[in-house]
Amino acid sequence: MTARLAQLSAHLSPTNTLPSGDIGLIGLAVMGQNLILNAADHGFTVVAYNRTVAKVDEFLANEAKGKSIIGARSIEELVANLKRPRRIILLVKAGKPVDAFIEQLLPHLEKGDIIIDGGNSHFPDSNRRYEELNDKGILFVGSGVSGGEEGARNGPSLMPGGHKDAWPHIKDIFQSIAAKSDGEPCCDWVGDAGSGHYVKMVHNGIEYGDMQLICEAYDLLKRVGKFTDKEIGDVFTQWNKGVLDSFLIEITRDILYFNDPTDGTPLLEKILDSAGQKGTGKWTAINALDLGMPVTLIGEAVFSRCLSALKDERVRASTVLEGPTVSGESPITDRKQFVDDLEQALYASKIISYAQGFMLINEAAKEYGWKLNNPAIALMWRGGCIIRSVFLGEITAAYKENPDLENLLFHPFFKNAITKAQSGWRSSIAKAVQYGVPVPAFTTALSFYDGYRSAMLPANLLQAQRDYFGAHTFKVLPGKENDFLKGDWIHVNWTGKGGNVSASTYDA
């Protein structure tokens, strides 16, 4: 009888009622608090826990007061208040803290319960956690969450992936609290294992690229066009009404209009030009190299942040190294044409960035054995997240029309858009080069485009060089085989002095 009472007690909350929590959330920083309030507004009962218990009491007494939110002061209390299967979101710092909380949760969970990591975890960590928890009968979900404080409160973009059996149990909650685009939730199931965090990683990489492109457009307007911050803000206001309509264009406009209240001058002019980064863009670039995908724009965006961090060195270089500059008045005689060209350059480069991003996602699906939902991924990014834009609606439509689309550039909409933009794109880059303004993201986007549309590249010479100095062999163009050039992989004794032994052939 005593054992039975103890068992019954374990199923009851501390208030001796049946568990009423629909979902638990660990981590009451800004994102965690706002996500809880969002879920409560949508009719869900949330159990909130934080390692610093005082933060739970403070939250209940203020923001959470009067809402369907239960405060938990221990892991045991959190679990006891949750309906089965228990659904628990971790919104804590990526890395060891995630593993630490999982270890604390495990003794109190049972098979079929669900742990959701909503932080910015690296996808290999999510792959590992998926496997480890699967062995214990716990369903792991790694979910990208994007949109910042505002998104968490009013509707974020959610990118869940992991154990497929978890999705029916979290779908209603996730799609209810997610942002909506034309009535559709910006949340759907991504795929297996760490695929949710992988897609979030690529999202963040594209975010790096978008931000760098916008910065380069701003720099050209300022240094070559000699526009004031207010005038650049006006340009971005206009751009936000057309094909570039997006969250990042919108906030850039607001930044450019913002003046320091102490003296009325643009605050932007007082910010140190040394960029920070948290690593997700770097992860994307490294993974692209690992998979052999030419995601050049994100790579350049990461390197541009690295270059910006060399502030003292750049200041010294500015007094030593020669190059063209624009002093005095702007050399631009037709300001409207200059702005229009720059708009097209930004639009075309964004198309390249997203095309590269989806190339990487598709290659990852092959490499890691994931079946990913490209139309859903584009839709997830259309609202709620940092890279949300009208532009993503066309990507969603393209992948809905053809889920197996080889490359976005092959779709008529994007092919026509980039063809139309080419003149302005090339003109803007030419002006940047002429007047010594660095535009690494614009130029790498155009170089990728020109390389991608080239049936022949000078890699034939590169392969000959590799064979000359290292006997690395080469293949022959179809139809060019003869008695001298025969076999799958060929080594030539280029000097007549070397041997005929070739090195192993491999891709690195």
Protein backbone atom coordinates (compact mmCIF):
# COMPACT_ATOMS: atom_id res chain seq x y z
CA MET A 1 0.00 0.00 0.00
CA THR A 2 2.85 2.37 0.90
CA ALA A 3 4.57 1.66 -2.43
CA ARG A 4 1.33 2.36 -4.28
CA LEU A 5 0.93 5.73 -2.50
CA ALA A 6 4.51 6.65 -3.34
CA GLN A 7 3.90 5.76 -6.98
CA LEU A 8 0.73 7.84 -7.03
CA SER A 9 2.52 10.73 -5.37
CA ALA A 10 5.17 10.68 -8.09
CA HIS A 11 2.46 11.31 -10.66
CA LEU A 12 1.07 14.32 -8.83
CA SER A 13 2.30 17.88 -8.79
CA PRO A 14 3.37 19.48 -5.52
CA THR A 15 -0.14 20.93 -5.22
CA ASN A 16 -1.54 17.36 -5.17
CA THR A 17 -3.38 17.78 -8.44
CA LEU A 18 -2.84 15.95 -11.69
CA PRO A 19 -0.06 17.50 -13.82
CA SER A 20 -1.41 20.36 -15.91
CA GLY A 21 1.70 21.64 -17.69
CA ASP A 22 1.62 21.27 -21.47
CA ILE A 23 5.29 22.05 -21.83
CA GLY A 24 8.22 22.92 -19.60
CA LEU A 25 10.92 25.47 -20.29
CA ILE A 26 14.32 25.76 -18.64
CA GLY A 27 16.10 29.10 -18.94
CA LEU A 28 14.50 32.42 -18.04
CA ALA A 29 16.70 34.80 -20.00
CA VAL A 30 15.01 37.16 -22.46
CA MET A 31 14.28 34.50 -25.11
CA GLY A 32 12.98 31.98 -22.57
CA GLN A 33 10.66 34.42 -20.81
CA ASN A 34 9.19 35.72 -24.05
CA LEU A 35 8.66 32.24 -25.48
CA ILE A 36 6.82 31.24 -22.29
CA LEU A 37 4.57 34.31 -22.48
CA ASN A 38 3.92 33.57 -26.17
CA ALA A 39 2.87 29.99 -25.38
CA ALA A 40 0.67 31.12 -22.48
CA ASP A 41 -1.07 33.63 -24.77
CA HIS A 42 -1.91 30.73 -27.10
CA GLY A 43 -3.66 28.77 -24.35
CA PHE A 44 -0.86 26.47 -23.23
CA THR A 45 0.15 25.96 -19.61
CA VAL A 46 3.90 26.35 -19.27
CA VAL A 47 6.07 25.19 -16.39
CA ALA A 48 9.02 27.55 -15.95
CA TYR A 49 12.33 26.72 -14.27
CA ASN A 50 15.64 28.51 -13.93
CA ARG A 51 18.81 27.41 -12.17
CA THR A 52 18.68 30.65 -10.16
CA VAL A 53 15.36 30.07 -8.42
CA ALA A 54 14.95 33.73 -7.46
CA LYS A 55 14.50 34.45 -11.16
CA VAL A 56 11.47 32.10 -11.22
CA ASP A 57 9.83 33.97 -8.33
CA GLU A 58 10.58 37.33 -9.92
CA PHE A 59 9.10 36.20 -13.25
CA LEU A 60 5.93 34.87 -11.58
CA ALA A 61 5.46 38.08 -9.64
CA ASN A 62 5.83 40.32 -12.67
CA GLU A 63 5.59 39.34 -16.38
CA ALA A 64 3.95 35.96 -15.73
CA LYS A 65 1.44 37.19 -13.15
CA GLY A 66 -2.11 36.05 -13.92
CA LYS A 67 -1.05 33.85 -16.84
CA SER A 68 -1.17 30.05 -17.23
CA ILE A 69 2.41 29.70 -16.05
CA ILE A 70 3.57 27.43 -13.22
CA GLY A 71 6.82 28.14 -11.45
CA ALA A 72 9.10 25.23 -10.63
CA ARG A 73 11.86 25.54 -8.06
CA SER A 74 13.60 22.28 -8.87
CA ILE A 75 13.99 19.84 -11.76
CA GLU A 76 11.80 17.36 -9.83
CA GLU A 77 9.04 19.95 -9.50
CA LEU A 78 9.31 20.86 -13.19
CA VAL A 79 8.88 17.23 -14.28
CA ALA A 80 6.11 16.51 -11.77
CA ASN A 81 3.99 19.32 -13.20
CA LEU A 82 4.11 18.07 -16.80
CA LYS A 83 1.58 15.94 -18.65
CA ARG A 84 2.84 12.81 -20.39
CA PRO A 85 4.69 12.55 -22.63
CA ARG A 86 6.66 15.28 -20.92
CA ARG A 87 7.87 18.00 -23.27
CA ILE A 88 10.75 20.15 -22.03
CA ILE A 89 12.50 22.96 -23.91
CA LEU A 90 16.04 23.96 -22.97
CA LEU A 91 16.86 27.58 -23.72
CA VAL A 92 20.30 27.72 -22.16
CA LYS A 93 23.80 28.50 -23.40
CA ALA A 94 24.99 26.03 -26.05
CA GLY A 95 27.61 23.44 -25.19
CA LYS A 96 28.19 21.97 -21.73
CA PRO A 97 25.15 23.62 -20.08
CA VAL A 98 22.83 21.70 -22.43
CA ASP A 99 24.47 18.39 -21.56
CA ALA A 100 24.40 19.27 -17.85
CA PHE A 101 20.65 19.92 -17.85
CA ILE A 102 19.98 16.77 -19.85
CA GLU A 103 21.87 14.78 -17.21
CA GLN A 104 19.79 16.41 -14.46
CA LEU A 105 16.54 15.64 -16.28
CA LEU A 106 17.19 12.00 -17.18
CA PRO A 107 16.62 10.42 -13.72
CA HIS A 108 13.13 11.96 -13.64
CA LEU A 109 12.01 11.09 -17.18
CA GLU A 110 10.66 7.92 -18.73
CA LYS A 111 10.59 6.44 -22.22
CA GLY A 112 8.74 8.56 -24.73
CA ASP A 113 9.42 11.87 -22.97
CA ILE A 114 10.77 14.67 -25.15
CA ILE A 115 13.76 16.97 -24.63
CA ILE A 116 13.97 19.96 -26.98
CA ASP A 117 17.17 22.00 -27.29
CA GLY A 118 16.11 25.45 -28.50
CA GLY A 119 19.53 27.06 -28.20
CA ASN A 120 22.15 27.80 -30.85
CA SER A 121 23.79 24.38 -30.61
CA HIS A 122 26.25 23.13 -33.20
CA PHE A 123 24.57 20.39 -35.22
CA PRO A 124 27.21 17.69 -34.48
CA ASP A 125 26.33 18.09 -30.78
CA SER A 126 22.67 17.62 -31.68
CA ASN A 127 23.52 14.51 -33.70
CA ARG A 128 25.32 13.11 -30.65
CA ARG A 129 22.49 13.97 -28.23
CA TYR A 130 19.95 12.46 -30.59
CA GLU A 131 21.81 9.13 -30.58
CA GLU A 132 22.55 9.12 -26.84
CA LEU A 133 18.96 9.90 -25.85
CA ASN A 134 17.52 7.53 -28.43
CA ASP A 135 19.42 4.71 -26.71
CA LYS A 136 17.65 5.69 -23.47
CA GLY A 137 14.21 5.88 -25.05
CA ILE A 138 14.05 9.68 -24.81
CA LEU A 139 12.99 11.60 -27.92
CA PHE A 140 15.42 14.43 -28.70
CA VAL A 141 14.57 17.47 -30.80
CA GLY A 142 17.09 20.15 -31.78
CA SER A 143 15.17 23.22 -32.84
CA GLY A 144 16.49 26.39 -34.36
CA VAL A 145 14.73 29.46 -32.93
CA SER A 146 15.10 32.76 -34.75
CA GLY A 147 13.61 36.19 -34.39
CA GLY A 148 15.23 37.56 -31.28
CA GLU A 149 13.26 38.99 -28.37
CA GLU A 150 10.42 40.30 -30.54
CA GLY A 151 10.10 37.00 -32.42
CA ALA A 152 10.06 34.92 -29.24
CA ARG A 153 7.26 37.07 -27.82
CA ASN A 154 5.09 37.51 -30.91
CA GLY A 155 6.00 34.61 -33.19
CA PRO A 156 9.46 33.22 -33.98
CA SER A 157 10.66 31.08 -36.84
CA LEU A 158 11.04 27.54 -35.49
CA MET A 159 13.12 24.84 -37.19
CA PRO A 160 12.65 21.52 -35.33
CA GLY A 161 14.46 18.34 -36.27
CA GLY A 162 15.31 15.13 -34.44
CA HIS A 163 13.30 12.07 -33.48
CA LYS A 164 10.30 11.97 -35.82
CA ASP A 165 8.08 10.39 -33.15
CA ALA A 166 8.31 13.65 -31.19
CA TRP A 167 6.73 15.81 -33.88
CA PRO A 168 3.05 14.79 -33.36
CA HIS A 169 3.41 15.69 -29.67
CA ILE A 170 4.94 19.14 -30.20
CA LYS A 171 3.47 20.16 -33.55
CA ASP A 172 0.40 21.94 -32.17
CA ILE A 173 2.41 23.96 -29.66
CA PHE A 174 5.21 24.88 -32.07
CA GLN A 175 2.96 25.85 -34.97
CA SER A 176 0.65 27.83 -32.67
CA ILE A 177 3.43 30.02 -31.23
CA ALA A 178 5.37 30.38 -34.50
CA ALA A 179 5.15 33.39 -36.80
CA LYS A 180 2.62 33.18 -39.63
CA SER A 181 3.16 33.95 -43.32
CA ASP A 182 -0.03 34.22 -45.37
CA GLY A 183 -1.71 32.23 -42.62
CA GLU A 184 0.85 29.41 -42.68
CA PRO A 185 3.03 28.81 -39.62
CA CYS A 186 6.74 29.48 -40.08
CA CYS A 187 7.47 26.11 -38.56
CA ASP A 188 7.47 22.58 -39.93
CA TRP A 189 9.40 19.39 -39.36
CA VAL A 190 12.88 19.68 -40.85
CA GLY A 191 14.26 16.14 -40.66
CA ASP A 192 16.25 13.68 -38.59
CA ALA A 193 18.91 14.03 -35.89
CA GLY A 194 20.65 17.43 -35.88
CA SER A 195 19.01 18.70 -39.08
CA GLY A 196 17.00 21.38 -37.27
CA HIS A 197 20.10 22.97 -35.84
CA TYR A 198 21.86 22.48 -39.19
CA VAL A 199 19.19 24.51 -40.97
CA LYS A 200 19.42 27.17 -38.25
CA MET A 201 23.20 27.25 -38.76
CA VAL A 202 22.76 27.89 -42.49
CA HIS A 203 20.09 30.50 -41.67
CA ASN A 204 22.65 32.30 -39.50
CA GLY A 205 25.27 32.04 -42.24
CA ILE A 206 22.88 33.63 -44.73
CA GLU A 207 22.17 36.29 -42.10
CA TYR A 208 25.93 37.05 -42.02
CA GLY A 209 25.89 37.40 -45.80
CA ASP A 210 22.80 39.63 -45.88
CA MET A 211 24.25 41.93 -43.24
CA GLN A 212 27.59 42.20 -45.05
CA LEU A 213 25.89 43.02 -48.36
CA ILE A 214 23.83 45.75 -46.69
CA CYS A 215 26.99 47.16 -45.09
CA GLU A 216 28.72 47.26 -48.47
CA ALA A 217 25.76 49.08 -50.03
CA TYR A 218 25.84 51.58 -47.16
CA ASP A 219 29.61 52.06 -47.61
CA LEU A 220 29.27 52.74 -51.34
CA LEU A 221 26.47 55.25 -50.76
CA LYS A 222 28.54 57.02 -48.12
CA ARG A 223 32.04 56.94 -49.57
CA VAL A 224 31.36 57.18 -53.30
CA GLY A 225 27.91 58.78 -53.38
CA LYS A 226 28.65 61.09 -50.42
CA PHE A 227 25.13 60.52 -49.08
CA THR A 228 24.40 61.59 -45.50
CA ASP A 229 23.10 59.03 -43.00
CA LYS A 230 19.63 60.58 -43.30
CA GLU A 231 19.78 60.31 -47.10
CA ILE A 232 20.93 56.68 -46.88
CA GLY A 233 18.03 56.04 -44.50
CA ASP A 234 15.72 57.46 -47.16
CA VAL A 235 17.22 55.08 -49.73
CA PHE A 236 16.63 52.09 -47.47
CA THR A 237 13.08 53.29 -46.82
CA GLN A 238 12.46 53.19 -50.56
CA TRP A 239 14.18 49.82 -50.98
CA ASN A 240 11.99 48.35 -48.24
CA LYS A 241 8.94 48.97 -50.45
CA GLY A 242 10.22 46.78 -53.30
CA VAL A 243 12.03 43.50 -53.92
CA LEU A 244 14.36 44.09 -50.95
CA ASP A 245 11.50 44.37 -48.43
CA SER A 246 12.91 42.61 -45.36
CA PHE A 247 13.57 42.83 -41.63
CA LEU A 248 17.26 43.66 -42.06
CA ILE A 249 16.57 46.50 -44.54
CA GLU A 250 13.91 47.81 -42.15
CA ILE A 251 16.18 47.88 -39.09
CA THR A 252 19.02 49.39 -41.13
CA ARG A 253 16.70 52.25 -42.05
CA ASP A 254 15.89 52.78 -38.36
CA ILE A 255 19.57 52.71 -37.40
CA LEU A 256 20.43 55.31 -40.04
CA TYR A 257 17.68 57.63 -38.81
CA PHE A 258 18.69 57.33 -35.14
CA ASN A 259 20.51 60.31 -33.65
CA ASP A 260 22.43 60.56 -30.38
CA PRO A 261 20.02 62.43 -28.08
CA THR A 262 22.90 64.31 -26.45
CA ASP A 263 23.98 66.20 -29.57
CA GLY A 264 21.57 65.24 -32.37
CA THR A 265 24.25 63.64 -34.57
CA PRO A 266 23.93 60.16 -36.14
CA LEU A 267 24.73 57.54 -33.50
CA LEU A 268 26.04 55.19 -36.21
CA GLU A 269 29.04 57.47 -36.76
CA LYS A 270 30.15 56.88 -33.15
CA ILE A 271 30.18 53.07 -33.23
CA LEU A 272 33.57 51.32 -33.45
CA ASP A 273 33.95 49.56 -36.81
CA SER A 274 35.06 46.23 -35.33
CA ALA A 275 32.46 43.48 -35.73
CA GLY A 276 31.79 40.65 -33.31
CA GLN A 277 30.55 37.15 -34.06
CA LYS A 278 29.31 34.15 -32.08
CA GLY A 279 30.53 31.43 -34.43
CA THR A 280 27.51 30.21 -36.38
CA GLY A 281 28.63 31.90 -39.59
CA LYS A 282 32.06 30.35 -39.14
CA TRP A 283 30.44 26.93 -38.58
CA THR A 284 28.57 27.33 -41.88
CA ALA A 285 31.73 28.27 -43.80
CA ILE A 286 33.71 25.38 -42.28
CA ASN A 287 30.95 22.89 -43.03
CA ALA A 288 30.76 24.17 -46.62
CA LEU A 289 34.48 23.49 -47.00
CA ASP A 290 34.05 20.03 -45.46
CA LEU A 291 31.30 19.22 -47.97
CA GLY A 292 33.11 20.84 -50.91
CA MET A 293 30.36 23.39 -51.52
CA PRO A 294 31.29 26.86 -52.87
CA VAL A 295 29.34 28.91 -50.31
CA THR A 296 31.58 31.86 -51.05
CA LEU A 297 29.39 34.72 -49.90
CA ILE A 298 29.00 33.47 -46.33
CA GLY A 299 32.74 32.78 -46.23
CA GLU A 300 33.53 36.35 -47.30
CA ALA A 301 31.07 37.72 -44.74
CA VAL A 302 32.91 35.85 -41.98
CA PHE A 303 36.32 37.01 -43.22
CA SER A 304 35.04 40.60 -43.46
CA ARG A 305 34.21 40.50 -39.75
CA CYS A 306 37.67 39.12 -39.06
CA LEU A 307 39.26 41.95 -41.10
CA SER A 308 37.17 44.55 -39.29
CA ALA A 309 38.55 43.29 -35.98
CA LEU A 310 42.08 44.33 -37.08
CA LYS A 311 41.19 47.95 -36.32
CA ASP A 312 44.56 49.20 -35.09
CA GLU A 313 46.40 47.51 -37.95
CA ARG A 314 43.97 48.97 -40.49
CA VAL A 315 44.46 52.45 -39.09
CA ARG A 316 48.23 52.09 -39.55
CA ALA A 317 47.76 50.67 -43.05
CA SER A 318 45.56 53.61 -44.02
CA THR A 319 48.57 55.93 -43.59
CA VAL A 320 51.00 53.70 -45.49
CA LEU A 321 49.23 51.91 -48.33
CA GLU A 322 48.29 53.74 -51.53
CA GLY A 323 45.02 53.42 -53.43
CA PRO A 324 42.16 55.40 -54.97
CA THR A 325 39.90 57.40 -52.66
CA VAL A 326 37.05 59.85 -53.15
CA SER A 327 37.93 63.22 -51.69
CA GLY A 328 35.74 66.26 -51.98
CA GLU A 329 32.45 65.97 -53.83
CA SER A 330 31.00 62.73 -55.17
CA PRO A 331 32.01 61.72 -58.72
CA ILE A 332 28.46 60.38 -59.23
CA THR A 333 26.49 62.63 -61.56
CA ASP A 334 23.29 60.59 -61.71
CA ARG A 335 22.42 59.74 -58.10
CA LYS A 336 19.16 57.99 -58.98
CA GLN A 337 20.90 55.63 -61.41
CA PHE A 338 23.61 54.97 -58.82
CA VAL A 339 20.98 54.02 -56.22
CA ASP A 340 18.98 51.92 -58.69
CA ASP A 341 22.11 50.02 -59.77
CA LEU A 342 23.02 49.39 -56.15
CA GLU A 343 19.53 48.06 -55.43
CA GLN A 344 19.95 45.56 -58.26
CA ALA A 345 23.43 44.61 -57.04
CA LEU A 346 22.04 43.92 -53.58
CA TYR A 347 19.10 41.93 -54.94
CA ALA A 348 21.22 39.80 -57.29
CA SER A 349 23.79 39.10 -54.58
CA LYS A 350 21.03 38.04 -52.17
CA ILE A 351 19.75 35.58 -54.78
CA ILE A 352 23.26 34.11 -55.01
CA SER A 353 23.53 33.87 -51.24
CA TYR A 354 20.29 31.91 -50.90
CA ALA A 355 21.14 29.74 -53.90
CA GLN A 356 24.45 28.86 -52.22
CA GLY A 357 22.69 28.24 -48.90
CA PHE A 358 20.26 25.75 -50.41
CA MET A 359 23.10 24.09 -52.34
CA LEU A 360 24.75 23.47 -48.98
CA ILE A 361 21.53 22.20 -47.37
CA ASN A 362 20.92 19.79 -50.25
CA GLU A 363 24.48 18.46 -50.10
CA ALA A 364 24.19 18.01 -46.33
CA ALA A 365 21.01 15.99 -46.82
CA LYS A 366 22.95 13.60 -49.07
CA GLU A 367 25.99 13.49 -46.81
CA TYR A 368 24.12 12.90 -43.55
CA GLY A 369 21.24 10.84 -44.92
CA TRP A 370 18.55 13.40 -44.11
CA LYS A 371 15.35 13.87 -46.09
CA LEU A 372 14.83 17.61 -45.84
CA ASN A 373 11.78 19.65 -46.74
CA ASN A 374 13.05 22.58 -48.85
CA PRO A 375 9.66 24.33 -49.34
CA ALA A 376 9.05 24.15 -45.58
CA ILE A 377 12.54 25.49 -44.84
CA ALA A 378 11.99 28.50 -47.09
CA LEU A 379 8.59 29.09 -45.48
CA MET A 380 10.12 28.86 -41.97
CA TRP A 381 12.46 31.69 -42.93
CA ARG A 382 9.75 33.84 -44.50
CA GLY A 383 8.46 35.20 -41.19
CA GLY A 384 9.56 35.59 -37.60
CA CYS A 385 13.30 35.28 -38.21
CA ILE A 386 16.14 37.72 -38.80
CA ILE A 387 16.39 36.97 -42.54
CA ARG A 388 12.62 37.17 -43.09
CA SER A 389 11.71 38.93 -46.32
CA VAL A 390 9.20 39.08 -49.15
CA PHE A 391 11.94 37.56 -51.30
CA LEU A 392 11.60 34.23 -49.45
CA GLY A 393 8.04 33.86 -50.71
CA GLU A 394 9.43 33.28 -54.20
CA ILE A 395 11.86 30.66 -52.87
CA THR A 396 8.99 28.87 -51.12
CA ALA A 397 6.95 28.93 -54.34
CA ALA A 398 9.92 27.65 -56.39
CA TYR A 399 10.47 24.64 -54.12
CA LYS A 400 6.76 23.92 -53.83
CA GLU A 401 6.62 23.84 -57.61
CA ASN A 402 9.68 21.58 -57.80
CA PRO A 403 10.94 20.13 -54.47
CA ASP A 404 13.90 18.58 -56.33
CA LEU A 405 14.99 21.83 -57.97
CA GLU A 406 18.72 21.44 -58.61
CA ASN A 407 19.55 25.10 -58.03
CA LEU A 408 17.44 28.22 -57.43
CA LEU A 409 19.18 29.87 -60.38
CA PHE A 410 17.54 27.33 -62.70
CA HIS A 411 14.06 28.47 -61.73
CA PRO A 412 12.60 30.97 -64.26
CA PHE A 413 11.82 33.61 -61.61
CA PHE A 414 15.38 33.79 -60.28
CA LYS A 415 16.99 33.33 -63.70
CA ASN A 416 15.02 36.30 -65.02
CA ALA A 417 15.57 38.40 -61.89
CA ILE A 418 19.33 37.96 -61.94
CA THR A 419 19.51 38.57 -65.70
CA LYS A 420 17.63 41.84 -65.24
CA ALA A 421 19.87 42.88 -62.35
CA GLN A 422 23.20 42.19 -64.06
CA SER A 423 23.85 45.61 -65.53
CA GLY A 424 23.39 47.43 -62.23
CA TRP A 425 25.24 44.69 -60.35
CA ARG A 426 28.33 44.94 -62.57
CA SER A 427 28.21 48.73 -62.64
CA SER A 428 28.12 49.00 -58.84
CA ILE A 429 31.06 46.64 -58.43
CA ALA A 430 33.02 48.49 -61.13
CA LYS A 431 32.54 51.78 -59.26
CA ALA A 432 33.63 50.18 -56.00
CA VAL A 433 36.83 48.89 -57.63
CA GLN A 434 37.44 52.20 -59.39
CA TYR A 435 37.20 54.22 -56.18
CA GLY A 436 38.87 51.75 -53.81
CA VAL A 437 35.86 50.70 -51.73
CA PRO A 438 36.00 47.05 -50.58
CA VAL A 439 32.94 45.01 -51.58
CA PRO A 440 33.98 41.38 -50.96
CA ALA A 441 30.43 40.04 -50.71
CA PHE A 442 29.21 41.75 -53.89
CA THR A 443 32.25 40.64 -55.86
CA THR A 444 32.29 37.04 -54.66
CA ALA A 445 28.59 36.75 -55.51
CA LEU A 446 29.24 37.93 -59.07
CA SER A 447 32.35 35.76 -59.40
CA PHE A 448 30.36 32.72 -58.30
CA TYR A 449 27.64 33.54 -60.83
CA ASP A 450 30.15 33.94 -63.67
CA GLY A 451 31.95 30.77 -62.61
CA TYR A 452 28.73 28.77 -62.29
CA ARG A 453 27.62 29.76 -65.79
CA SER A 454 31.02 28.89 -67.31
CA ALA A 455 31.06 25.57 -69.16
CA MET A 456 34.86 25.69 -68.99
CA LEU A 457 36.98 26.93 -66.10
CA PRO A 458 40.79 27.16 -65.89
CA ALA A 459 40.85 24.18 -63.54
CA ASN A 460 42.32 22.22 -66.48
CA LEU A 461 45.53 24.20 -65.97
CA LEU A 462 45.30 23.67 -62.23
CA GLN A 463 45.06 19.91 -62.71
CA ALA A 464 48.04 19.99 -65.07
CA GLN A 465 50.04 21.90 -62.45
CA ARG A 466 49.12 19.37 -59.76
CA ASP A 467 50.17 16.51 -62.01
CA TYR A 468 53.42 18.28 -62.96
CA PHE A 469 54.71 18.87 -59.43
CA GLY A 470 53.02 16.04 -57.56
CA ALA A 471 51.97 13.39 -60.08
CA HIS A 472 48.39 13.83 -58.86
CA THR A 473 46.93 12.74 -62.26
CA PHE A 474 44.08 14.21 -64.27
CA LYS A 475 41.07 13.17 -66.31
CA VAL A 476 40.62 13.88 -70.02
CA LEU A 477 37.67 15.72 -71.53
CA PRO A 478 35.12 13.35 -73.12
CA GLY A 479 35.98 12.87 -76.80
CA LYS A 480 39.60 13.94 -76.35
CA GLU A 481 40.99 10.49 -75.53
CA ASN A 482 43.74 9.06 -77.77
CA ASP A 483 46.64 6.60 -77.56
CA PHE A 484 48.64 9.08 -75.47
CA LEU A 485 45.70 10.11 -73.27
CA LYS A 486 44.00 6.89 -72.21
CA GLY A 487 42.76 5.57 -68.90
CA ASP A 488 40.57 6.94 -66.12
CA TRP A 489 43.30 8.87 -64.34
CA ILE A 490 46.40 9.89 -66.30
CA HIS A 491 49.87 10.98 -65.25
CA VAL A 492 52.17 12.61 -67.80
CA ASN A 493 55.95 12.85 -67.54
CA TRP A 494 55.93 16.58 -68.32
CA THR A 495 59.73 17.09 -68.40
CA GLY A 496 60.89 13.71 -69.66
CA LYS A 497 63.09 13.50 -66.57
CA GLY A 498 60.66 12.29 -63.94
CA GLY A 499 59.29 8.80 -63.39
CA ASN A 500 55.95 7.34 -64.39
CA VAL A 501 54.65 6.57 -60.90
CA SER A 502 51.59 8.64 -59.99
CA ALA A 503 50.30 9.69 -56.59
CA SER A 504 47.00 8.51 -55.15
CA THR A 505 43.96 10.35 -56.45
CA TYR A 506 41.60 11.74 -53.85
CA ASP A 507 39.35 14.68 -53.07
CA ALA A 508 40.13 16.69 -49.92
